[in-house]
Amino acid sequence: MLPLFTRFSATCFLIFPLMLVAAEKQPKAVLSAAPPSDFVLQPSDLLSVQVFQEEDLKREVRVSQEYSITLPLIGKVDVKGKSVRQAESLIRDLYDRDYLVNPQVNVVVIEYAKRSMNVIGSVNQPGAVLFPQEQGLTLLDAVSRAGGFSRLADRKHIKLTRTNADGKAETFIINADDLISGTSSNAWLLLVNDIVYVPERIL
């Protein structure tokens, strides 16, 4: 018969690999935050623009209220609605068109402009909600940052008011219960100056 210590050691060698396999099968956390490269540029964002091996073209520029930046040789660049990576691609194409051969462009946001939207109505802390840096903000994220739904909140008829590019206001009715349960595939990413209104339930 094997000594007690030897039998215990053999059992550990059998159990430990099984524990590792079980651990590997555990679901990993999914990060919901958008990467910095997908961040959509906004007025007053301060950017560092560099072209590899072209030190004379390096600039720190701030996005204007008209969503443009100005760079050497290519002049004014419209970055409205563009993410960091899309801006890189546009600047690369502009330099490649007339000035450089296969330029390698790197754009980094070094200072973010403060941006906010508003959550009002039946939430515990109504008011302005700031967007987190380098990340998007969903409707449920905004409600959470506003203290969550109040006891009387009507979560099935949330109103999202948004001003489009033409200056006209659009209103969407959203069922937050569908978002919470995962029934809806639309997370409702919010934009600067959006207004979320949570009504009260009719008792």
Protein backbone atom coordinates (compact mmCIF):
# COMPACT_ATOMS: atom_id res chain seq x y z
CA MET A 1 0.00 0.00 0.00
CA LEU A 2 1.26 3.51 -0.87
CA PRO A 3 2.14 5.84 2.01
CA LEU A 4 -0.51 8.46 2.81
CA PHE A 5 1.65 11.36 1.52
CA THR A 6 2.28 9.58 -1.79
CA ARG A 7 -1.43 8.88 -2.30
CA PHE A 8 -2.28 12.53 -1.51
CA SER A 9 0.32 13.78 -4.01
CA ALA A 10 -0.98 11.48 -6.74
CA THR A 11 -4.53 12.71 -6.14
CA CYS A 12 -3.39 16.35 -6.43
CA PHE A 13 -1.69 15.64 -9.77
CA LEU A 14 -4.97 14.18 -11.05
CA ILE A 15 -7.23 16.94 -9.73
CA PHE A 16 -5.08 19.99 -10.59
CA PRO A 17 -5.19 19.50 -14.42
CA LEU A 18 -8.98 19.08 -14.18
CA MET A 19 -9.20 22.37 -12.29
CA LEU A 20 -7.19 24.09 -15.03
CA VAL A 21 -9.49 22.72 -17.74
CA ALA A 22 -12.56 23.86 -15.80
CA ALA A 23 -11.06 27.33 -15.33
CA GLU A 24 -10.36 27.64 -19.05
CA LYS A 25 -14.02 26.91 -19.78
CA GLN A 26 -15.27 29.78 -17.60
CA PRO A 27 -16.64 32.65 -19.72
CA LYS A 28 -14.35 35.65 -19.92
CA ALA A 29 -15.57 39.16 -19.22
CA VAL A 30 -16.59 41.09 -22.31
CA LEU A 31 -15.48 44.71 -22.44
CA SER A 32 -18.21 46.98 -23.73
CA ALA A 33 -16.08 50.09 -24.06
CA ALA A 34 -15.25 51.14 -27.58
CA PRO A 35 -11.50 51.27 -28.27
CA PRO A 36 -9.91 54.73 -28.63
CA SER A 37 -9.51 54.20 -32.39
CA ASP A 38 -13.32 54.10 -32.75
CA PHE A 39 -13.86 57.32 -30.81
CA VAL A 40 -15.69 59.88 -32.99
CA LEU A 41 -13.89 63.22 -33.02
CA GLN A 42 -15.64 66.28 -31.57
CA PRO A 43 -14.97 70.04 -31.62
CA SER A 44 -12.22 71.13 -29.18
CA ASP A 45 -10.53 67.70 -29.14
CA LEU A 46 -6.76 68.24 -29.24
CA LEU A 47 -4.98 65.89 -31.65
CA SER A 48 -1.38 64.89 -32.23
CA VAL A 49 -0.82 64.16 -35.93
CA GLN A 50 2.45 62.53 -36.96
CA VAL A 51 3.75 61.25 -40.28
CA PHE A 52 6.49 58.63 -39.97
CA GLN A 53 9.95 60.01 -40.84
CA GLU A 54 8.44 63.44 -41.63
CA GLU A 55 9.16 65.48 -38.49
CA ASP A 56 8.35 68.76 -40.27
CA LEU A 57 4.75 67.61 -40.67
CA LYS A 58 4.17 66.81 -37.00
CA ARG A 59 1.44 68.99 -35.48
CA GLU A 60 -0.79 69.34 -32.45
CA VAL A 61 -4.12 70.66 -33.69
CA ARG A 62 -7.51 71.27 -32.13
CA VAL A 63 -10.72 70.29 -33.92
CA SER A 64 -12.62 73.48 -34.78
CA GLN A 65 -16.32 74.08 -34.17
CA GLU A 66 -16.77 73.30 -37.87
CA TYR A 67 -15.17 69.86 -37.30
CA SER A 68 -12.00 70.64 -39.24
CA ILE A 69 -8.25 70.68 -38.63
CA THR A 70 -5.48 72.35 -40.62
CA LEU A 71 -2.27 70.49 -41.53
CA PRO A 72 0.89 71.35 -43.52
CA LEU A 73 0.67 70.93 -47.30
CA ILE A 74 -2.89 69.55 -47.37
CA GLY A 75 -4.56 72.47 -45.56
CA LYS A 76 -8.03 72.13 -44.03
CA VAL A 77 -9.28 68.59 -43.38
CA ASP A 78 -12.94 67.88 -42.62
CA VAL A 79 -13.18 65.28 -39.82
CA LYS A 80 -16.90 65.59 -39.04
CA GLY A 81 -18.39 62.23 -38.07
CA LYS A 82 -15.04 60.49 -38.36
CA SER A 83 -13.38 58.20 -35.84
CA VAL A 84 -9.69 58.47 -35.03
CA ARG A 85 -8.83 55.67 -37.47
CA GLN A 86 -11.03 57.16 -40.21
CA ALA A 87 -9.29 60.51 -39.75
CA GLU A 88 -5.92 58.75 -40.06
CA SER A 89 -7.03 57.10 -43.29
CA LEU A 90 -8.31 60.40 -44.74
CA ILE A 91 -5.08 62.28 -43.87
CA ARG A 92 -3.00 59.42 -45.29
CA ASP A 93 -4.93 59.56 -48.58
CA LEU A 94 -4.55 63.33 -48.84
CA TYR A 95 -0.78 63.20 -48.33
CA ASP A 96 -0.46 60.20 -50.62
CA ARG A 97 -2.39 61.91 -53.41
CA ASP A 98 0.10 64.69 -54.18
CA TYR A 99 2.96 64.84 -51.68
CA LEU A 100 4.22 61.58 -50.17
CA VAL A 101 4.61 57.95 -51.19
CA ASN A 102 2.73 55.53 -48.91
CA PRO A 103 2.80 57.82 -45.84
CA GLN A 104 2.34 56.27 -42.39
CA VAL A 105 0.05 58.55 -40.38
CA ASN A 106 -0.68 58.34 -36.67
CA VAL A 107 -3.45 60.34 -34.98
CA VAL A 108 -3.82 60.41 -31.18
CA VAL A 109 -6.30 62.35 -29.06
CA ILE A 110 -4.18 64.01 -26.35
CA GLU A 111 -6.96 66.09 -24.81
CA TYR A 112 -10.68 65.38 -24.98
CA ALA A 113 -13.30 68.11 -25.04
CA LYS A 114 -15.92 67.74 -22.34
CA ARG A 115 -19.16 66.44 -23.80
CA SER A 116 -22.47 65.74 -22.19
CA MET A 117 -26.13 64.84 -22.65
CA ASN A 118 -29.09 65.10 -20.30
CA VAL A 119 -31.20 62.55 -18.44
CA ILE A 120 -34.41 63.96 -16.94
CA GLY A 121 -37.63 62.64 -15.44
CA SER A 122 -37.97 59.58 -13.21
CA VAL A 123 -34.33 58.92 -12.40
CA ASN A 124 -32.69 59.35 -9.01
CA GLN A 125 -30.17 62.03 -10.06
CA PRO A 126 -31.54 63.90 -13.12
CA GLY A 127 -29.28 66.30 -14.96
CA ALA A 128 -26.27 66.43 -17.25
CA VAL A 129 -24.28 63.24 -17.80
CA LEU A 130 -20.70 63.44 -19.05
CA PHE A 131 -19.44 61.07 -21.70
CA PRO A 132 -16.50 58.93 -20.49
CA GLN A 133 -13.25 59.61 -22.36
CA GLU A 134 -12.45 57.29 -25.27
CA GLN A 135 -15.80 55.54 -24.90
CA GLY A 136 -19.30 55.68 -26.20
CA LEU A 137 -22.33 56.08 -23.92
CA THR A 138 -25.43 53.93 -24.24
CA LEU A 139 -28.89 54.81 -23.01
CA LEU A 140 -28.65 52.37 -20.10
CA ASP A 141 -25.17 53.67 -19.21
CA ALA A 142 -26.56 57.22 -19.08
CA VAL A 143 -29.49 56.20 -16.86
CA SER A 144 -27.06 54.38 -14.55
CA ARG A 145 -24.88 57.49 -14.30
CA ALA A 146 -28.04 59.46 -13.46
CA GLY A 147 -28.61 57.28 -10.41
CA GLY A 148 -30.78 54.64 -12.06
CA PHE A 149 -34.53 54.47 -12.58
CA SER A 150 -36.74 55.76 -9.78
CA ARG A 151 -39.40 53.53 -8.23
CA LEU A 152 -42.14 55.02 -10.43
CA ALA A 153 -40.20 55.06 -13.71
CA ASP A 154 -42.01 53.90 -16.84
CA ARG A 155 -39.15 51.95 -18.42
CA LYS A 156 -41.21 50.92 -21.45
CA HIS A 157 -41.75 54.40 -22.87
CA ILE A 158 -38.45 56.29 -22.57
CA LYS A 159 -38.16 59.27 -24.91
CA LEU A 160 -34.88 60.08 -26.64
CA THR A 161 -34.81 63.50 -28.30
CA ARG A 162 -32.00 64.17 -30.75
CA THR A 163 -31.24 67.10 -33.05
CA ASN A 164 -30.17 65.90 -36.49
CA ALA A 165 -27.74 67.53 -38.92
CA ASP A 166 -30.53 69.69 -40.37
CA GLY A 167 -31.31 71.18 -36.97
CA LYS A 168 -34.59 69.29 -36.64
CA ALA A 169 -35.45 67.44 -33.46
CA GLU A 170 -36.34 63.75 -33.64
CA THR A 171 -37.98 61.77 -30.84
CA PHE A 172 -37.65 58.02 -30.36
CA ILE A 173 -39.70 55.90 -27.93
CA ILE A 174 -37.54 53.16 -26.40
CA ASN A 175 -38.42 50.16 -24.22
CA ALA A 176 -35.59 49.90 -21.68
CA ASP A 177 -36.86 46.52 -20.50
CA ASP A 178 -36.00 45.13 -23.96
CA LEU A 179 -32.49 46.58 -23.63
CA ILE A 180 -32.05 45.10 -20.16
CA SER A 181 -33.27 41.64 -21.20
CA GLY A 182 -31.24 41.66 -24.41
CA THR A 183 -34.37 41.38 -26.57
CA SER A 184 -33.33 44.49 -28.52
CA SER A 185 -30.08 44.42 -30.50
CA ASN A 186 -29.91 48.24 -30.57
CA ALA A 187 -28.01 49.53 -27.52
CA TRP A 188 -28.89 53.14 -28.46
CA LEU A 189 -25.50 54.83 -28.46
CA LEU A 190 -26.04 58.43 -27.44
CA LEU A 191 -24.75 61.62 -29.04
CA VAL A 192 -23.68 64.92 -27.53
CA ASN A 193 -26.69 67.03 -26.45
CA ASP A 194 -29.16 64.14 -26.62
CA ILE A 195 -32.01 64.36 -24.09
CA VAL A 196 -33.35 61.21 -22.42
CA TYR A 197 -36.69 61.62 -20.66
CA VAL A 198 -37.95 58.88 -18.35
CA PRO A 199 -41.69 59.31 -17.67
CA GLU A 200 -43.58 58.10 -14.61
CA ARG A 201 -45.86 55.09 -14.71
CA ILE A 202 -49.57 55.81 -14.61
CA LEU A 203 -50.90 54.15 -11.46
